[in-house]
C-alpha atoms as a PDB file:
ATOM      1  CA  MET A   1     -10.780 -16.366 -39.349  1.00  0.00           C
ATOM      2  CA  SER A   2     -12.340 -15.647 -36.313  1.00  0.00           C
ATOM      3  CA  ALA A   3     -12.105 -12.256 -34.450  1.00  0.00           C
ATOM      4  CA  GLY A   4     -10.508 -14.489 -31.664  1.00  0.00           C
ATOM      5  CA  LEU A   5      -7.394 -15.046 -33.791  1.00  0.00           C
ATOM      6  CA  HIS A   6      -6.507 -11.708 -34.736  1.00  0.00           C
ATOM      7  CA  SER A   7      -3.721 -11.613 -32.080  1.00  0.00           C
ATOM      8  CA  ASN A   8      -1.878  -8.503 -32.946  1.00  0.00           C
ATOM      9  CA  ALA A   9      -5.120  -6.313 -32.873  1.00  0.00           C
ATOM     10  CA  HIS A  10      -6.202  -7.775 -29.718  1.00  0.00           C
ATOM     11  CA  GLU A  11      -2.378  -7.305 -28.224  1.00  0.00           C
ATOM     12  CA  ALA A  12      -2.349  -3.693 -29.160  1.00  0.00           C
ATOM     13  CA  ARG A  13      -5.539  -3.129 -27.034  1.00  0.00           C
ATOM     14  CA  HIS A  14      -5.453  -5.418 -24.458  1.00  0.00           C
ATOM     15  CA  ILE A  15      -4.478  -4.097 -20.706  1.00  0.00           C
ATOM     16  CA  PRO A  16      -4.113  -6.648 -18.184  1.00  0.00           C
ATOM     17  CA  VAL A  17      -5.972  -5.866 -15.381  1.00  0.00           C
ATOM     18  CA  MET A  18      -3.957  -4.706 -12.275  1.00  0.00           C
ATOM     19  CA  LEU A  19      -1.057  -5.977 -13.638  1.00  0.00           C
ATOM     20  CA  ASP A  20       1.546  -3.863 -11.386  1.00  0.00           C
ATOM     21  CA  GLU A  21      -0.527  -5.148  -8.111  1.00  0.00           C
ATOM     22  CA  VAL A  22      -0.525  -8.543  -9.584  1.00  0.00           C
ATOM     23  CA  LEU A  23       3.175  -8.619 -10.094  1.00  0.00           C
ATOM     24  CA  SER A  24       3.848  -7.043  -6.439  1.00  0.00           C
ATOM     25  CA  ALA A  25       1.849  -9.601  -4.734  1.00  0.00           C
ATOM     26  CA  LEU A  26       3.886 -12.513  -6.744  1.00  0.00           C
ATOM     27  CA  SER A  27       7.043 -11.068  -5.486  1.00  0.00           C
ATOM     28  CA  LEU A  28       9.022 -12.488  -8.424  1.00  0.00           C
ATOM     29  CA  ARG A  29      12.427 -13.676  -8.047  1.00  0.00           C
ATOM     30  CA  ASP A  30      15.040 -15.049 -10.505  1.00  0.00           C
ATOM     31  CA  GLY A  31      15.054 -18.764 -10.789  1.00  0.00           C
ATOM     32  CA  GLY A  32      11.250 -18.985  -9.815  1.00  0.00           C
ATOM     33  CA  ALA A  33       8.513 -21.200 -11.320  1.00  0.00           C
ATOM     34  CA  TYR A  34       5.096 -19.811 -11.954  1.00  0.00           C
ATOM     35  CA  VAL A  35       1.628 -20.766 -13.096  1.00  0.00           C
ATOM     36  CA  ASP A  36      -0.113 -18.531 -15.208  1.00  0.00           C
ATOM     37  CA  GLY A  37      -3.396 -20.341 -14.725  1.00  0.00           C
ATOM     38  CA  THR A  38      -5.781 -18.363 -17.075  1.00  0.00           C
ATOM     39  CA  PHE A  39      -3.176 -17.488 -20.191  1.00  0.00           C
ATOM     40  CA  GLY A  40      -5.864 -15.610 -22.334  1.00  0.00           C
ATOM     41  CA  LEU A  41      -3.556 -13.051 -24.379  1.00  0.00           C
ATOM     42  CA  GLY A  42      -0.681 -14.053 -22.178  1.00  0.00           C
ATOM     43  CA  GLY A  43      -0.338 -10.241 -20.540  1.00  0.00           C
ATOM     44  CA  TYR A  44       0.360 -11.534 -17.033  1.00  0.00           C
ATOM     45  CA  THR A  45       2.714 -14.215 -18.690  1.00  0.00           C
ATOM     46  CA  ARG A  46       4.635 -11.873 -20.462  1.00  0.00           C
ATOM     47  CA  ALA A  47       5.010  -9.692 -17.553  1.00  0.00           C
ATOM     48  CA  ILE A  48       6.216 -12.535 -15.151  1.00  0.00           C
ATOM     49  CA  LEU A  49       8.791 -13.481 -17.817  1.00  0.00           C
ATOM     50  CA  ASP A  50      10.029  -9.859 -18.043  1.00  0.00           C
ATOM     51  CA  GLY A  51      10.091  -9.350 -14.513  1.00  0.00           C
ATOM     52  CA  ALA A  52      12.688 -11.720 -13.734  1.00  0.00           C
ATOM     53  CA  ASP A  53      14.725 -14.756 -14.834  1.00  0.00           C
ATOM     54  CA  THR A  54      11.583 -16.864 -14.287  1.00  0.00           C
ATOM     55  CA  THR A  55      10.019 -20.077 -15.981  1.00  0.00           C
ATOM     56  CA  VAL A  56       6.376 -20.001 -16.461  1.00  0.00           C
ATOM     57  CA  TRP A  57       3.774 -22.689 -16.935  1.00  0.00           C
ATOM     58  CA  ALA A  58       0.526 -21.118 -18.716  1.00  0.00           C
ATOM     59  CA  ILE A  59      -2.661 -23.123 -18.756  1.00  0.00           C
ATOM     60  CA  ASP A  60      -6.014 -22.151 -20.903  1.00  0.00           C
ATOM     61  CA  ARG A  61      -8.796 -24.396 -21.340  1.00  0.00           C
ATOM     62  CA  ASP A  62      -9.652 -22.413 -24.941  1.00  0.00           C
ATOM     63  CA  PRO A  63      -7.677 -24.148 -27.604  1.00  0.00           C
ATOM     64  CA  GLU A  64      -7.637 -20.814 -29.454  1.00  0.00           C
ATOM     65  CA  ALA A  65      -5.721 -19.145 -26.567  1.00  0.00           C
ATOM     66  CA  ILE A  66      -3.060 -21.941 -26.970  1.00  0.00           C
ATOM     67  CA  ALA A  67      -2.669 -21.440 -30.974  1.00  0.00           C
ATOM     68  CA  ARG A  68      -2.289 -17.685 -30.213  1.00  0.00           C
ATOM     69  CA  GLY A  69       0.345 -18.325 -27.776  1.00  0.00           C
ATOM     70  CA  ALA A  70       2.702 -20.112 -30.296  1.00  0.00           C
ATOM     71  CA  THR A  71       4.518 -16.841 -30.901  1.00  0.00           C
ATOM     72  CA  LEU A  72       5.072 -16.002 -27.462  1.00  0.00           C
ATOM     73  CA  VAL A  73       6.474 -19.445 -26.485  1.00  0.00           C
ATOM     74  CA  GLU A  74       9.089 -19.035 -29.591  1.00  0.00           C
ATOM     75  CA  GLU A  75       9.797 -15.588 -27.913  1.00  0.00           C
ATOM     76  CA  TYR A  76      10.614 -16.788 -24.704  1.00  0.00           C
ATOM     77  CA  ASP A  77      11.783 -20.264 -25.399  1.00  0.00           C
ATOM     78  CA  PRO A  78      12.674 -22.012 -23.262  1.00  0.00           C
ATOM     79  CA  ARG A  79      11.278 -20.329 -20.322  1.00  0.00           C
ATOM     80  CA  LEU A  80       7.541 -20.533 -21.246  1.00  0.00           C
ATOM     81  CA  THR A  81       5.521 -23.687 -21.776  1.00  0.00           C
ATOM     82  CA  LEU A  82       1.762 -23.496 -22.526  1.00  0.00           C
ATOM     83  CA  LEU A  83      -0.538 -26.325 -21.367  1.00  0.00           C
ATOM     84  CA  GLN A  84      -4.395 -26.593 -22.664  1.00  0.00           C
ATOM     85  CA  GLY A  85      -6.504 -27.784 -19.838  1.00  0.00           C
ATOM     86  CA  ARG A  86      -8.271 -26.249 -16.763  1.00  0.00           C
ATOM     87  CA  PHE A  87      -6.551 -24.555 -14.083  1.00  0.00           C
ATOM     88  CA  GLY A  88      -8.366 -27.004 -11.824  1.00  0.00           C
ATOM     89  CA  GLU A  89      -6.001 -29.597 -13.174  1.00  0.00           C
ATOM     90  CA  MET A  90      -2.809 -27.638 -12.596  1.00  0.00           C
ATOM     91  CA  THR A  91      -1.207 -30.182 -10.058  1.00  0.00           C
ATOM     92  CA  GLU A  92      -1.835 -33.314 -12.480  1.00  0.00           C
ATOM     93  CA  LEU A  93      -0.723 -30.977 -15.587  1.00  0.00           C
ATOM     94  CA  LEU A  94       2.476 -30.016 -13.942  1.00  0.00           C
ATOM     95  CA  HIS A  95       3.028 -33.084 -12.431  1.00  0.00           C
ATOM     96  CA  GLN A  96       3.103 -34.807 -15.987  1.00  0.00           C
ATOM     97  CA  ALA A  97       5.372 -32.337 -16.918  1.00  0.00           C
ATOM     98  CA  GLY A  98       8.026 -33.237 -14.060  1.00  0.00           C
ATOM     99  CA  ILE A  99       7.242 -30.240 -12.259  1.00  0.00           C
ATOM    100  CA  GLU A 100       6.564 -31.024  -8.378  1.00  0.00           C
ATOM    101  CA  LYS A 101       6.273 -27.321  -6.831  1.00  0.00           C
ATOM    102  CA  VAL A 102       5.944 -23.747  -8.131  1.00  0.00           C
ATOM    103  CA  ASP A 103       6.912 -20.207  -6.351  1.00  0.00           C
ATOM    104  CA  GLY A 104       3.824 -18.563  -7.602  1.00  0.00           C
ATOM    105  CA  VAL A 105      -0.014 -19.023  -9.102  1.00  0.00           C
ATOM    106  CA  VAL A 106      -1.924 -16.259 -10.728  1.00  0.00           C
ATOM    107  CA  LEU A 107      -5.808 -16.559 -11.876  1.00  0.00           C
ATOM    108  CA  ASP A 108      -7.474 -14.113 -13.730  1.00  0.00           C
ATOM    109  CA  LEU A 109     -11.418 -15.359 -13.537  1.00  0.00           C
ATOM    110  CA  GLY A 110     -13.733 -14.863 -16.056  1.00  0.00           C
ATOM    111  CA  VAL A 111     -13.644 -14.409 -19.915  1.00  0.00           C
ATOM    112  CA  SER A 112     -10.705 -13.106 -21.893  1.00  0.00           C
ATOM    113  CA  SER A 113     -10.926 -10.350 -24.139  1.00  0.00           C
ATOM    114  CA  PRO A 114     -11.020 -12.323 -27.475  1.00  0.00           C
ATOM    115  CA  GLN A 115     -13.710 -14.646 -25.961  1.00  0.00           C
ATOM    116  CA  ILE A 116     -15.697 -11.433 -25.344  1.00  0.00           C
ATOM    117  CA  ASP A 117     -14.882  -9.513 -28.586  1.00  0.00           C
ATOM    118  CA  ASP A 118     -15.499 -12.250 -30.913  1.00  0.00           C
ATOM    119  CA  ALA A 119     -19.067 -12.626 -31.848  1.00  0.00           C
ATOM    120  CA  GLY A 120     -18.917 -16.276 -33.031  1.00  0.00           C
ATOM    121  CA  ARG A 121     -18.162 -17.248 -29.331  1.00  0.00           C
ATOM    122  CA  GLY A 122     -21.255 -16.139 -28.156  1.00  0.00           C
ATOM    123  CA  PHE A 123     -20.081 -14.733 -24.752  1.00  0.00           C
ATOM    124  CA  SER A 124     -21.682 -11.088 -25.045  1.00  0.00           C
ATOM    125  CA  PHE A 125     -24.723  -9.431 -26.458  1.00  0.00           C
ATOM    126  CA  ARG A 126     -22.815  -6.424 -27.778  1.00  0.00           C
ATOM    127  CA  PHE A 127     -22.421  -8.478 -30.841  1.00  0.00           C
ATOM    128  CA  ASP A 128     -25.133 -10.622 -32.397  1.00  0.00           C
ATOM    129  CA  GLY A 129     -24.126 -14.100 -32.924  1.00  0.00           C
ATOM    130  CA  PRO A 130     -24.426 -17.802 -32.067  1.00  0.00           C
ATOM    131  CA  LEU A 131     -25.814 -18.422 -28.138  1.00  0.00           C
ATOM    132  CA  ASP A 132     -22.590 -20.802 -27.541  1.00  0.00           C
ATOM    133  CA  MET A 133     -20.551 -19.469 -24.352  1.00  0.00           C
ATOM    134  CA  ARG A 134     -18.480 -22.831 -24.347  1.00  0.00           C
ATOM    135  CA  MET A 135     -15.024 -21.844 -23.449  1.00  0.00           C
ATOM    136  CA  GLU A 136     -13.465 -25.446 -24.639  1.00  0.00           C
ATOM    137  CA  LYS A 137     -16.068 -25.581 -27.485  1.00  0.00           C
ATOM    138  CA  ALA A 138     -17.244 -28.645 -26.226  1.00  0.00           C
ATOM    139  CA  GLY A 139     -20.123 -29.872 -24.244  1.00  0.00           C
ATOM    140  CA  PRO A 140     -23.751 -28.309 -23.957  1.00  0.00           C
ATOM    141  CA  SER A 141     -23.769 -24.624 -25.266  1.00  0.00           C
ATOM    142  CA  ALA A 142     -26.124 -21.820 -23.479  1.00  0.00           C
ATOM    143  CA  ALA A 143     -28.489 -22.406 -26.673  1.00  0.00           C
ATOM    144  CA  ASP A 144     -28.872 -26.144 -25.520  1.00  0.00           C
ATOM    145  CA  ILE A 145     -29.526 -24.720 -21.823  1.00  0.00           C
ATOM    146  CA  VAL A 146     -31.972 -21.941 -22.709  1.00  0.00           C
ATOM    147  CA  ASN A 147     -33.891 -24.438 -24.850  1.00  0.00           C
ATOM    148  CA  SER A 148     -34.154 -27.550 -22.888  1.00  0.00           C
ATOM    149  CA  MET A 149     -33.852 -26.605 -19.059  1.00  0.00           C
ATOM    150  CA  ASP A 150     -37.009 -26.792 -17.186  1.00  0.00           C
ATOM    151  CA  GLU A 151     -38.503 -23.431 -16.308  1.00  0.00           C
ATOM    152  CA  GLY A 152     -38.146 -23.888 -12.462  1.00  0.00           C
ATOM    153  CA  GLU A 153     -34.268 -24.921 -12.985  1.00  0.00           C
ATOM    154  CA  LEU A 154     -34.120 -22.354 -15.270  1.00  0.00           C
ATOM    155  CA  ALA A 155     -35.236 -19.451 -12.913  1.00  0.00           C
ATOM    156  CA  ARG A 156     -32.911 -20.983 -10.012  1.00  0.00           C
ATOM    157  CA  LEU A 157     -29.853 -21.008 -12.364  1.00  0.00           C
ATOM    158  CA  ILE A 158     -30.412 -17.172 -13.264  1.00  0.00           C
ATOM    159  CA  LYS A 159     -31.170 -16.086  -9.493  1.00  0.00           C
ATOM    160  CA  GLU A 160     -28.395 -17.919  -7.839  1.00  0.00           C
ATOM    161  CA  LEU A 161     -25.580 -17.318 -10.694  1.00  0.00           C
ATOM    162  CA  GLY A 162     -26.663 -14.152 -12.075  1.00  0.00           C
ATOM    163  CA  GLU A 163     -28.171 -12.634  -8.926  1.00  0.00           C
ATOM    164  CA  GLU A 164     -31.431 -11.544 -10.864  1.00  0.00           C
ATOM    165  CA  ARG A 165     -34.382 -10.610  -8.773  1.00  0.00           C
ATOM    166  CA  ARG A 166     -36.813 -11.156 -11.477  1.00  0.00           C
ATOM    167  CA  ALA A 167     -35.509 -14.574 -12.290  1.00  0.00           C
ATOM    168  CA  ARG A 168     -38.907 -16.368 -12.474  1.00  0.00           C
ATOM    169  CA  ARG A 169     -40.151 -13.594 -14.970  1.00  0.00           C
ATOM    170  CA  VAL A 170     -37.110 -14.134 -17.062  1.00  0.00           C
ATOM    171  CA  ALA A 171     -37.327 -17.730 -17.258  1.00  0.00           C
ATOM    172  CA  ARG A 172     -41.118 -17.678 -17.765  1.00  0.00           C
ATOM    173  CA  ALA A 173     -40.359 -15.502 -20.973  1.00  0.00           C
ATOM    174  CA  ILE A 174     -37.546 -17.693 -22.190  1.00  0.00           C
ATOM    175  CA  VAL A 175     -40.118 -20.496 -22.183  1.00  0.00           C
ATOM    176  CA  GLU A 176     -42.830 -18.917 -23.893  1.00  0.00           C
ATOM    177  CA  ALA A 177     -40.281 -17.805 -26.533  1.00  0.00           C
ATOM    178  CA  ARG A 178     -38.835 -20.980 -26.939  1.00  0.00           C
ATOM    179  CA  ASN A 179     -42.240 -22.812 -27.316  1.00  0.00           C
ATOM    180  CA  GLU A 180     -42.282 -20.478 -30.556  1.00  0.00           C
ATOM    181  CA  ALA A 181     -39.166 -21.418 -32.144  1.00  0.00           C
ATOM    182  CA  PRO A 182     -35.719 -22.080 -30.683  1.00  0.00           C
ATOM    183  CA  ILE A 183     -33.510 -19.663 -29.151  1.00  0.00           C
ATOM    184  CA  THR A 184     -30.230 -19.536 -30.999  1.00  0.00           C
ATOM    185  CA  ARG A 185     -28.926 -16.063 -31.257  1.00  0.00           C
ATOM    186  CA  THR A 186     -27.213 -13.686 -28.467  1.00  0.00           C
ATOM    187  CA  ALA A 187     -29.353 -10.727 -29.727  1.00  0.00           C
ATOM    188  CA  GLU A 188     -32.487 -12.814 -29.482  1.00  0.00           C
ATOM    189  CA  LEU A 189     -32.009 -13.759 -26.099  1.00  0.00           C
ATOM    190  CA  ALA A 190     -30.965 -10.303 -24.992  1.00  0.00           C
ATOM    191  CA  ASP A 191     -34.216  -8.774 -26.321  1.00  0.00           C
ATOM    192  CA  ILE A 192     -36.194 -11.535 -24.629  1.00  0.00           C
ATOM    193  CA  VAL A 193     -34.604 -10.552 -21.192  1.00  0.00           C
ATOM    194  CA  ARG A 194     -34.719  -6.751 -21.912  1.00  0.00           C
ATOM    195  CA  ARG A 195     -38.772  -7.437 -22.432  1.00  0.00           C
ATOM    196  CA  ALA A 196     -38.954  -9.046 -19.163  1.00  0.00           C
ATOM    197  CA  VAL A 197     -36.733  -6.966 -17.083  1.00  0.00           C
ATOM    198  CA  PRO A 198     -37.380  -3.187 -17.349  1.00  0.00           C
ATOM    199  CA  GLN A 199     -34.245  -1.146 -17.408  1.00  0.00           C
ATOM    200  CA  GLY A 200     -35.056   1.057 -14.790  1.00  0.00           C
ATOM    201  CA  ARG A 201     -32.544   3.753 -13.360  1.00  0.00           C
ATOM    202  CA  SER A 202     -29.602   1.245 -13.708  1.00  0.00           C
ATOM    203  CA  LYS A 203     -27.009   1.785 -16.172  1.00  0.00           C
ATOM    204  CA  ILE A 204     -26.410  -2.025 -16.647  1.00  0.00           C
ATOM    205  CA  ASP A 205     -27.945  -3.944 -19.303  1.00  0.00           C
ATOM    206  CA  PRO A 206     -30.836  -5.844 -18.014  1.00  0.00           C
ATOM    207  CA  ALA A 207     -29.461  -8.627 -20.103  1.00  0.00           C
ATOM    208  CA  THR A 208     -26.312  -8.957 -18.352  1.00  0.00           C
ATOM    209  CA  ARG A 209     -27.313 -11.130 -15.103  1.00  0.00           C
ATOM    210  CA  THR A 210     -28.616 -13.645 -17.375  1.00  0.00           C
ATOM    211  CA  PHE A 211     -25.810 -13.825 -19.688  1.00  0.00           C
ATOM    212  CA  MET A 212     -23.374 -14.226 -16.562  1.00  0.00           C
ATOM    213  CA  ALA A 213     -25.439 -16.711 -15.180  1.00  0.00           C
ATOM    214  CA  LEU A 214     -25.739 -18.938 -18.474  1.00  0.00           C
ATOM    215  CA  ARG A 215     -21.781 -18.473 -18.980  1.00  0.00           C
ATOM    216  CA  LEU A 216     -20.880 -19.615 -15.432  1.00  0.00           C
ATOM    217  CA  HIS A 217     -23.149 -22.592 -15.752  1.00  0.00           C
ATOM    218  CA  VAL A 218     -22.283 -23.417 -19.019  1.00  0.00           C
ATOM    219  CA  ASN A 219     -18.368 -23.635 -17.930  1.00  0.00           C
ATOM    220  CA  GLY A 220     -18.830 -24.897 -14.408  1.00  0.00           C
ATOM    221  CA  GLU A 221     -16.700 -22.085 -13.487  1.00  0.00           C
ATOM    222  CA  LEU A 222     -17.732 -22.084  -9.742  1.00  0.00           C
ATOM    223  CA  ASP A 223     -16.862 -25.618  -9.468  1.00  0.00           C
ATOM    224  CA  GLU A 224     -13.638 -24.880 -11.310  1.00  0.00           C
ATOM    225  CA  LEU A 225     -12.760 -22.214  -9.213  1.00  0.00           C
ATOM    226  CA  GLU A 226     -13.046 -24.396  -5.914  1.00  0.00           C
ATOM    227  CA  ALA A 227     -10.696 -26.888  -7.874  1.00  0.00           C
ATOM    228  CA  GLY A 228      -8.207 -24.406  -8.811  1.00  0.00           C
ATOM    229  CA  LEU A 229      -7.796 -22.779  -5.349  1.00  0.00           C
ATOM    230  CA  ARG A 230      -7.086 -26.527  -3.952  1.00  0.00           C
ATOM    231  CA  ALA A 231      -4.881 -27.188  -6.755  1.00  0.00           C
ATOM    232  CA  ALA A 232      -3.133 -23.975  -5.985  1.00  0.00           C
ATOM    233  CA  GLU A 233      -2.838 -25.170  -2.389  1.00  0.00           C
ATOM    234  CA  GLU A 234      -1.033 -28.296  -3.161  1.00  0.00           C
ATOM    235  CA  ILE A 235       1.232 -27.105  -5.975  1.00  0.00           C
ATOM    236  CA  LEU A 236       2.646 -23.864  -4.166  1.00  0.00           C
ATOM    237  CA  ALA A 237       6.050 -24.572  -2.306  1.00  0.00           C
ATOM    238  CA  PRO A 238       6.298 -22.764   1.274  1.00  0.00           C
ATOM    239  CA  GLY A 239       6.525 -19.131   0.578  1.00  0.00           C
ATOM    240  CA  GLY A 240       4.768 -19.228  -2.773  1.00  0.00           C
ATOM    241  CA  ARG A 241       2.044 -16.800  -3.517  1.00  0.00           C
ATOM    242  CA  LEU A 242      -1.477 -17.164  -4.641  1.00  0.00           C
ATOM    243  CA  VAL A 243      -2.888 -14.443  -6.535  1.00  0.00           C
ATOM    244  CA  VAL A 244      -6.887 -14.176  -7.818  1.00  0.00           C
ATOM    245  CA  VAL A 245      -8.366 -11.339  -9.557  1.00  0.00           C
ATOM    246  CA  SER A 246     -12.243 -11.677 -10.054  1.00  0.00           C
ATOM    247  CA  PHE A 247     -14.677  -9.696 -11.607  1.00  0.00           C
ATOM    248  CA  HIS A 248     -18.107 -11.239 -10.167  1.00  0.00           C
ATOM    249  CA  SER A 249     -19.431 -11.127  -6.633  1.00  0.00           C
ATOM    250  CA  LEU A 250     -19.695 -14.977  -6.343  1.00  0.00           C
ATOM    251  CA  GLU A 251     -16.266 -15.747  -7.342  1.00  0.00           C
ATOM    252  CA  ASP A 252     -14.784 -13.054  -5.157  1.00  0.00           C
ATOM    253  CA  ARG A 253     -16.660 -14.444  -2.076  1.00  0.00           C
ATOM    254  CA  ARG A 254     -15.382 -17.846  -2.641  1.00  0.00           C
ATOM    255  CA  VAL A 255     -11.960 -16.933  -2.852  1.00  0.00           C
ATOM    256  CA  LYS A 256     -12.281 -14.526   0.141  1.00  0.00           C
ATOM    257  CA  LEU A 257     -13.686 -17.686   2.030  1.00  0.00           C
ATOM    258  CA  PHE A 258     -10.798 -20.096   0.878  1.00  0.00           C
ATOM    259  CA  MET A 259      -8.241 -17.605   1.921  1.00  0.00           C
ATOM    260  CA  GLN A 260      -9.791 -16.773   5.345  1.00  0.00           C
ATOM    261  CA  GLU A 261     -10.293 -20.310   6.031  1.00  0.00           C
ATOM    262  CA  ARG A 262      -6.864 -21.523   4.861  1.00  0.00           C
ATOM    263  CA  GLY A 263      -5.383 -18.547   6.820  1.00  0.00           C
ATOM    264  CA  GLY A 264      -7.292 -18.929  10.022  1.00  0.00           C
ATOM    265  CA  ALA A 265      -8.909 -15.488   9.680  1.00  0.00           C
ATOM    266  CA  LEU A 266     -12.683 -16.579   9.495  1.00  0.00           C
ATOM    267  CA  PRO A 267     -14.758 -14.115  11.127  1.00  0.00           C
ATOM    268  CA  ALA A 268     -15.399 -14.671  14.808  1.00  0.00           C
ATOM    269  CA  GLY A 269     -18.728 -16.391  15.902  1.00  0.00           C
ATOM    270  CA  SER A 270     -21.094 -15.289  18.437  1.00  0.00           C
ATOM    271  CA  ARG A 271     -19.311 -13.938  21.479  1.00  0.00           C
ATOM    272  CA  HIS A 272     -21.752 -15.848  23.517  1.00  0.00           C
ATOM    273  CA  LEU A 273     -20.122 -19.128  22.230  1.00  0.00           C
ATOM    274  CA  PRO A 274     -16.714 -20.510  22.494  1.00  0.00           C
ATOM    275  CA  PRO A 275     -14.258 -19.482  19.664  1.00  0.00           C
ATOM    276  CA  THR A 276     -14.342 -21.629  16.556  1.00  0.00           C
ATOM    277  CA  GLU A 277     -10.833 -23.690  16.280  1.00  0.00           C
ATOM    278  CA  ALA A 278      -9.507 -24.084  12.604  1.00  0.00           C
ATOM    279  CA  LYS A 279      -9.787 -27.658  11.349  1.00  0.00           C
ATOM    280  CA  HIS A 280      -6.348 -27.722  10.290  1.00  0.00           C
ATOM    281  CA  PRO A 281      -2.980 -25.965  10.631  1.00  0.00           C
ATOM    282  CA  ALA A 282      -3.097 -22.743   8.485  1.00  0.00           C
ATOM    283  CA  SER A 283      -1.615 -23.562   4.956  1.00  0.00           C
ATOM    284  CA  PHE A 284      -2.043 -19.624   3.902  1.00  0.00           C
ATOM    285  CA  SER A 285      -1.123 -16.504   5.374  1.00  0.00           C
ATOM    286  CA  LEU A 286      -2.965 -13.536   4.026  1.00  0.00           C
ATOM    287  CA  LEU A 287      -1.165 -10.834   2.465  1.00  0.00           C
ATOM    288  CA  ARG A 288      -3.793  -8.222   3.442  1.00  0.00           C
ATOM    289  CA  ARG A 289      -7.139  -8.381   5.095  1.00  0.00           C
ATOM    290  CA  GLY A 290      -9.436  -7.348   2.288  1.00  0.00           C
ATOM    291  CA  ALA A 291      -9.499  -7.003  -1.530  1.00  0.00           C
ATOM    292  CA  GLU A 292      -7.362  -4.717  -3.566  1.00  0.00           C
ATOM    293  CA  LYS A 293      -9.257  -2.806  -6.269  1.00  0.00           C
ATOM    294  CA  PRO A 294      -7.901  -0.885  -9.039  1.00  0.00           C
ATOM    295  CA  GLY A 295      -7.296   2.798  -9.120  1.00  0.00           C
ATOM    296  CA  ALA A 296      -9.073   5.298 -10.563  1.00  0.00           C
ATOM    297  CA  ASP A 297      -6.291   6.034 -13.397  1.00  0.00           C
ATOM    298  CA  GLU A 298      -6.742   2.467 -14.403  1.00  0.00           C
ATOM    299  CA  ILE A 299     -10.355   2.345 -14.434  1.00  0.00           C
ATOM    300  CA  GLN A 300     -10.506   5.309 -16.637  1.00  0.00           C
ATOM    301  CA  GLN A 301      -7.905   3.853 -18.946  1.00  0.00           C
ATOM    302  CA  ASN A 302      -9.463   0.413 -19.086  1.00  0.00           C
ATOM    303  CA  PRO A 303     -13.335   0.339 -17.775  1.00  0.00           C
ATOM    304  CA  ARG A 304     -13.457  -3.340 -17.793  1.00  0.00           C
ATOM    305  CA  ALA A 305     -11.126  -3.090 -14.916  1.00  0.00           C
ATOM    306  CA  ARG A 306     -13.841  -1.520 -12.591  1.00  0.00           C
ATOM    307  CA  SER A 307     -15.231  -4.360 -10.808  1.00  0.00           C
ATOM    308  CA  ALA A 308     -11.708  -6.238 -10.510  1.00  0.00           C
ATOM    309  CA  ARG A 309     -10.952  -7.528  -6.821  1.00  0.00           C
ATOM    310  CA  LEU A 310      -7.403  -8.954  -6.092  1.00  0.00           C
ATOM    311  CA  ARG A 311      -6.844 -11.173  -3.168  1.00  0.00           C
ATOM    312  CA  ALA A 312      -3.539 -12.668  -2.441  1.00  0.00           C
ATOM    313  CA  ALA A 313      -1.983 -15.198   0.123  1.00  0.00           C
ATOM    314  CA  GLU A 314       1.426 -16.795   1.078  1.00  0.00           C
ATOM    315  CA  ARG A 315       1.396 -20.507   1.326  1.00  0.00           C
ATOM    316  CA  THR A 316       3.059 -21.744   4.686  1.00  0.00           C
ATOM    317  CA  ALA A 317       5.079 -25.127   5.501  1.00  0.00           C
ATOM    318  CA  ALA A 318       1.703 -26.691   6.456  1.00  0.00           C
ATOM    319  CA  ALA A 319       0.125 -29.640   4.583  1.00  0.00           C
ATOM    320  CA  ALA A 320      -2.506 -29.078   2.278  1.00  0.00           C
ATOM    321  CA  TRP A 321      -6.084 -29.536   3.595  1.00  0.00           C
ATOM    322  CA  PRO A 322      -7.940 -32.770   2.879  1.00  0.00           C
ATOM    323  CA  TYR A 323     -10.533 -32.128   0.348  1.00  0.00           C
ATOM    324  CA  GLU A 324     -14.122 -31.131   1.805  1.00  0.00           C
ATOM    325  CA  PRO A 325     -16.802 -29.798  -0.398  1.00  0.00           C
ATOM    326  CA  GLN A 326     -17.232 -26.079   0.816  1.00  0.00           C
ATOM    327  CA  PHE A 327     -19.657 -24.331  -1.536  1.00  0.00           C
ATOM    328  CA  GLY A 328     -21.869 -26.755  -3.161  1.00  0.00           C
ATOM    329  CA  ARG A 329     -21.982 -27.915  -6.649  1.00  0.00           C
ATOM    330  CA  ALA A 330     -25.702 -27.465  -7.470  1.00  0.00           C
ATOM    331  CA  THR A 331     -25.441 -24.015  -9.007  1.00  0.00           C
ATOM    332  CA  SER A 332     -22.627 -24.426 -11.532  1.00  0.00           C
END
């Protein structure tokens, strides 16, 4: 049995990030229907079900997360339904279940604790394991990418998704290493990156940015985020809340731009030019202007919360905006 299936051990130490802030932003009400688009260990789901007489539709693309959640479904029957799939598909998944509108959607972006802590999933270089990183256990793995992608494309991926300044050096080191033998282990790739990128004064492991880039690419996470934000816009009833917790600057930037645009709060252009009018009526109103950060006490208790950023908005009665690609699809 993989580490990811030891649910009791994981639940004992799992702390949902910014839980109080998430529940406050959702503004739970009895009789409401809510979507937890990133079920994971079910921390937000359980809190929503305990916070009011609600119904929760929880989605996860990882089959192990769905299997782990069976006991939670039994505990809260019939108020909890688990759906395997991507949160970008929530509109279709809920419509298939007969649900047209919901009162809240929460998205906790990135990898879950079981995925990180299970060496066999290959998400982290803290433990040696197969270089995998696939949330759905399907499609090309991280090993497939590093052993087949052109050096130039690999450098671009690491630079854009990992924001690694020495991306070309890292890509060159990977290609040189794979010419000797395929790269198949997380520890092996981490050592290659560390040799290419000196530690310097930073406390962050030099391999962090490359691993982040590969994970985002393997799982198409930025495209999925764009799809998920649009899906939430479609499925939320007027007055419903969208709450997103992100841990990476690229993700937070996309959430910020989406909410600002849909809320009619994009930064003004040059004072020498006429103001830019919104393309469509505002479909969201912002609950606060900036991102909310975790408090010092939470960071001390749960270091993984350090980089968390929460943004929230309330759905208006305006129609959802028509689909227009905003961020490009080349990097994820």
